[in-house]
């Protein structure tokens, strides 16, 4: 599910949906943070961006991440589940890896559908196309 970004701040970006739209427009499919405010988290989910939360006491600094890494999210082979525990493997430019656990901040079946379909608009579009095909 690349690309992914980590955020050096608690998930408290603007409650306006443009904060989440920016990630979506850049092709970012997941973000990893230390916490997420409810409205910001819901906006990310609505745009199809998966909010992942570091374990308590962990963050990008504690793990030695510097922003040059690429990320692989493991544990999604059987689909996304509510509040799933997932593993992230971060690989830096020197091909050194750091592995850590995160929790998917997804609490409802609807939110799972949003992420799996790339956002609310894509989900609605697919449903309308399916209805038209019947």
Protein backbone atom coordinates (compact mmCIF):
# COMPACT_ATOMS: atom_id res chain seq x y z
CA UNK A 1 0.00 0.00 0.00
CA UNK A 2 2.74 2.55 -0.82
CA UNK A 3 3.45 5.42 -0.71
CA UNK A 4 3.30 6.09 3.01
CA UNK A 5 4.35 9.05 5.13
CA UNK A 6 5.18 9.51 8.78
CA UNK A 7 4.21 12.70 10.57
CA UNK A 8 6.43 14.36 13.19
CA UNK A 9 3.42 15.91 14.93
CA UNK A 10 0.36 14.45 16.63
CA UNK A 11 -2.43 13.90 14.11
CA UNK A 12 -3.98 17.27 14.62
CA UNK A 13 -3.82 18.84 11.19
CA UNK A 14 -6.55 21.13 10.00
CA UNK A 15 -10.03 19.74 10.39
CA UNK A 16 -10.69 20.97 6.87
CA UNK A 17 -10.71 18.07 4.46
CA UNK A 18 -7.93 19.64 2.36
CA UNK A 19 -5.38 18.39 4.87
CA UNK A 20 -6.38 14.83 3.92
CA UNK A 21 -6.95 15.66 0.24
CA UNK A 22 -3.33 16.72 -0.05
CA UNK A 23 -2.12 13.26 0.95
CA UNK A 24 -4.59 11.65 -1.45
CA UNK A 25 -3.60 13.90 -4.35
CA UNK A 26 0.06 13.05 -3.74
CA UNK A 27 -0.79 9.35 -3.99
CA UNK A 28 -0.13 8.66 -0.32
CA UNK A 29 -2.22 5.70 0.80
CA UNK A 30 -1.24 5.56 4.50
CA UNK A 31 0.16 7.85 7.16
CA UNK A 32 1.81 6.91 10.44
CA UNK A 33 1.46 9.20 13.45
CA UNK A 34 1.55 9.19 17.23
CA UNK A 35 -2.15 10.09 17.52
CA UNK A 36 -5.07 11.37 15.44
CA UNK A 37 -7.82 13.82 16.28
CA UNK A 38 -11.22 12.39 15.40
CA UNK A 39 -12.13 14.83 12.62
CA UNK A 40 -8.70 14.63 10.97
CA UNK A 41 -8.73 10.82 11.17
CA UNK A 42 -12.22 10.69 9.64
CA UNK A 43 -11.13 13.03 6.83
CA UNK A 44 -8.15 10.78 6.08
CA UNK A 45 -10.42 7.74 5.96
CA UNK A 46 -12.90 9.56 3.73
CA UNK A 47 -10.09 10.24 1.26
CA UNK A 48 -8.97 6.61 1.35
CA UNK A 49 -5.81 7.30 3.38
CA UNK A 50 -5.17 4.72 6.10
CA UNK A 51 -4.19 6.32 9.45
CA UNK A 52 -1.74 4.10 11.34
CA UNK A 53 -0.71 4.82 14.91
CA UNK A 54 2.67 4.06 16.47
CA UNK A 55 2.63 1.96 19.62
CA UNK A 56 2.67 3.87 22.92
CA UNK A 57 6.10 5.37 23.52
CA UNK A 58 7.24 4.95 19.92
CA UNK A 59 7.53 7.49 17.16
CA UNK A 60 9.73 8.39 14.24
CA UNK A 61 12.49 9.78 16.48
CA UNK A 62 12.56 6.78 18.82
CA UNK A 63 12.79 4.44 15.82
CA UNK A 64 15.51 6.49 14.13
CA UNK A 65 13.44 7.33 11.05
CA UNK A 66 14.49 10.41 9.08
CA UNK A 67 12.00 10.66 6.22
CA UNK A 68 14.09 9.00 3.53
CA UNK A 69 12.58 5.56 4.11
CA UNK A 70 10.19 3.56 2.02
CA UNK A 71 7.55 1.60 3.90
CA UNK A 72 5.98 -1.81 3.53
CA UNK A 73 2.82 -2.48 5.52
CA UNK A 74 2.38 -6.13 6.44
CA UNK A 75 -0.77 -7.81 7.69
CA UNK A 76 -3.20 -6.66 5.00
CA UNK A 77 -3.14 -9.82 2.86
CA UNK A 78 -6.53 -10.93 4.17
CA UNK A 79 -7.99 -7.43 4.05
CA UNK A 80 -8.23 -4.61 6.54
CA UNK A 81 -9.94 -5.15 9.88
CA UNK A 82 -11.12 -2.70 12.51
CA UNK A 83 -8.23 -1.54 14.74
CA UNK A 84 -5.94 -4.16 13.14
CA UNK A 85 -2.44 -4.63 14.51
CA UNK A 86 -0.07 -4.35 11.55
CA UNK A 87 3.68 -4.46 11.04
CA UNK A 88 5.60 -1.80 9.13
CA UNK A 89 9.03 -2.37 7.62
CA UNK A 90 10.90 0.87 6.91
CA UNK A 91 13.86 0.63 4.54
CA UNK A 92 16.31 3.52 4.34
CA UNK A 93 18.58 4.56 1.47
CA UNK A 94 21.37 2.27 2.76
CA UNK A 95 18.90 -0.67 2.59
CA UNK A 96 18.86 -0.94 6.39
CA UNK A 97 15.45 -1.95 7.73
CA UNK A 98 13.52 -1.05 10.86
CA UNK A 99 10.45 -3.08 11.78
CA UNK A 100 7.74 -1.81 14.11
CA UNK A 101 4.09 -2.40 14.98
CA UNK A 102 1.21 0.01 14.40
CA UNK A 103 -2.56 0.01 14.88
CA UNK A 104 -4.88 0.83 11.99
CA UNK A 105 -7.11 3.67 13.21
CA UNK A 106 -10.19 2.29 11.45
CA UNK A 107 -13.20 1.61 13.63
CA UNK A 108 -16.18 0.92 11.37
CA UNK A 109 -17.03 -1.29 8.38
CA UNK A 110 -17.83 1.87 6.38
CA UNK A 111 -14.36 3.30 7.06
CA UNK A 112 -12.79 0.03 5.93
CA UNK A 113 -14.76 0.29 2.68
CA UNK A 114 -13.54 3.87 2.18
CA UNK A 115 -9.90 2.83 2.51
CA UNK A 116 -10.30 -0.28 0.36
CA UNK A 117 -11.96 1.75 -2.41
CA UNK A 118 -9.64 4.78 -2.31
CA UNK A 119 -12.13 7.06 -0.57
CA UNK A 120 -15.81 7.91 -0.35
CA UNK A 121 -16.07 9.32 -3.87
CA UNK A 122 -14.54 6.22 -5.46
CA UNK A 123 -16.83 3.99 -3.39
CA UNK A 124 -19.96 5.91 -4.44
CA UNK A 125 -18.81 5.92 -8.07
CA UNK A 126 -18.30 2.14 -8.05
CA UNK A 127 -21.72 1.59 -6.49
CA UNK A 128 -23.40 3.79 -9.11
CA UNK A 129 -21.65 1.91 -11.90
CA UNK A 130 -22.76 -1.42 -10.41
CA UNK A 131 -26.36 -0.20 -10.18
CA UNK A 132 -26.24 0.98 -13.79
CA UNK A 133 -24.93 -2.39 -14.95
CA UNK A 134 -27.88 -4.25 -13.47
